[in-house]
Amino acid sequence: MYSELKGKVAVVTGGGAGIGLACATKLAELGVAVGIADIDAAAANEAASNLMSQGYRCLALETDVSKACLLYTSPSPRDRG
């Protein structure tokens, strides 16, 4: 049903916890490489580490989407997969 998502890339804002994490997890399960963007760097890193430990491609990004200037910079995140 969602085979067209396999191999795609998605960034999930608020992906460190709650609904955002649930969305990131489901996307990863569907074969999407996921960027987990969250204002809480520790939460983003933990979520990415947990998904990576399950074999999914993931990247943690610390950002605040309410501040436009932060969305146009390269945060040089560590690639987790």
Protein backbone atom coordinates (compact mmCIF):
# COMPACT_ATOMS: atom_id res chain seq x y z
CA MET A 1 0.00 0.00 0.00
CA TYR A 2 2.80 2.44 0.86
CA SER A 3 5.52 0.92 -1.32
CA GLU A 4 6.02 4.27 -3.07
CA LEU A 5 7.54 5.62 0.18
CA LYS A 6 10.38 3.08 0.32
CA GLY A 7 13.69 4.79 -0.36
CA LYS A 8 12.33 8.31 0.15
CA VAL A 9 13.51 10.81 2.76
CA ALA A 10 11.33 12.61 5.31
CA VAL A 11 11.99 15.14 8.06
CA VAL A 12 9.62 14.90 11.01
CA THR A 13 9.41 18.01 13.18
CA GLY A 14 8.80 17.25 16.83
CA GLY A 15 10.10 13.76 16.10
CA GLY A 16 11.82 13.33 19.45
CA ALA A 17 8.66 12.31 21.32
CA GLY A 18 4.91 11.80 21.18
CA ILE A 19 3.05 11.92 17.88
CA GLY A 20 6.14 13.09 16.01
CA LEU A 21 8.10 10.06 17.21
CA ALA A 22 5.21 7.77 16.29
CA CYS A 23 5.18 9.26 12.77
CA ALA A 24 8.96 8.96 12.44
CA THR A 25 8.83 5.34 13.59
CA LYS A 26 6.08 4.42 11.14
CA LEU A 27 7.89 6.11 8.27
CA ALA A 28 11.08 4.24 9.14
CA GLU A 29 9.14 0.96 9.22
CA LEU A 30 7.89 1.79 5.70
CA GLY A 31 11.47 2.14 4.42
CA VAL A 32 11.80 5.92 4.60
CA ALA A 33 15.11 7.45 5.75
CA VAL A 34 14.00 9.77 8.55
CA GLY A 35 15.39 13.05 9.85
CA ILE A 36 14.16 13.58 13.39
CA ALA A 37 14.01 17.33 13.99
CA ASP A 38 13.34 18.53 17.51
CA ILE A 39 14.09 21.52 19.72
CA ASP A 40 15.26 19.01 22.35
CA ALA A 41 18.58 17.65 21.03
CA ALA A 42 18.70 14.86 23.62
CA ALA A 43 15.24 13.63 22.62
CA ALA A 44 16.10 13.74 18.92
CA ASN A 45 19.36 11.86 19.51
CA GLU A 46 17.68 9.24 21.68
CA ALA A 47 14.90 8.69 19.15
CA ALA A 48 17.40 8.40 16.28
CA SER A 49 19.58 6.01 18.29
CA ASN A 50 16.59 3.82 19.11
CA LEU A 51 15.51 3.64 15.47
CA MET A 52 19.09 2.98 14.34
CA SER A 53 19.37 0.10 16.83
CA GLN A 54 16.41 -1.46 15.01
CA GLY A 55 18.21 -1.16 11.67
CA TYR A 56 16.49 1.94 10.31
CA ARG A 57 18.23 4.86 8.57
CA CYS A 58 17.90 7.92 10.73
CA LEU A 59 19.39 11.32 11.49
CA ALA A 60 18.90 13.61 14.49
CA LEU A 61 18.52 17.36 13.90
CA GLU A 62 18.30 19.96 16.65
CA THR A 63 16.21 22.87 15.44
CA ASP A 64 13.44 25.25 16.46
CA VAL A 65 10.94 25.53 13.61
CA SER A 66 9.47 28.68 15.18
CA LYS A 67 12.71 30.51 14.31
CA ALA A 68 13.00 30.79 10.54
CA CYS A 69 16.71 31.67 10.64
CA LEU A 70 17.47 28.24 12.12
CA LEU A 71 15.75 26.49 9.24
CA TYR A 72 18.15 27.94 6.67
CA THR A 73 21.40 26.89 8.32
CA SER A 74 23.23 23.60 8.04
CA PRO A 75 23.42 22.14 11.54
CA SER A 76 26.03 19.50 10.48
CA PRO A 77 24.20 16.61 12.15
CA ARG A 78 25.80 13.20 12.65
CA ASP A 79 24.54 10.73 10.07
CA ARG A 80 23.10 7.76 11.89
CA GLY A 81 22.77 5.35 9.04
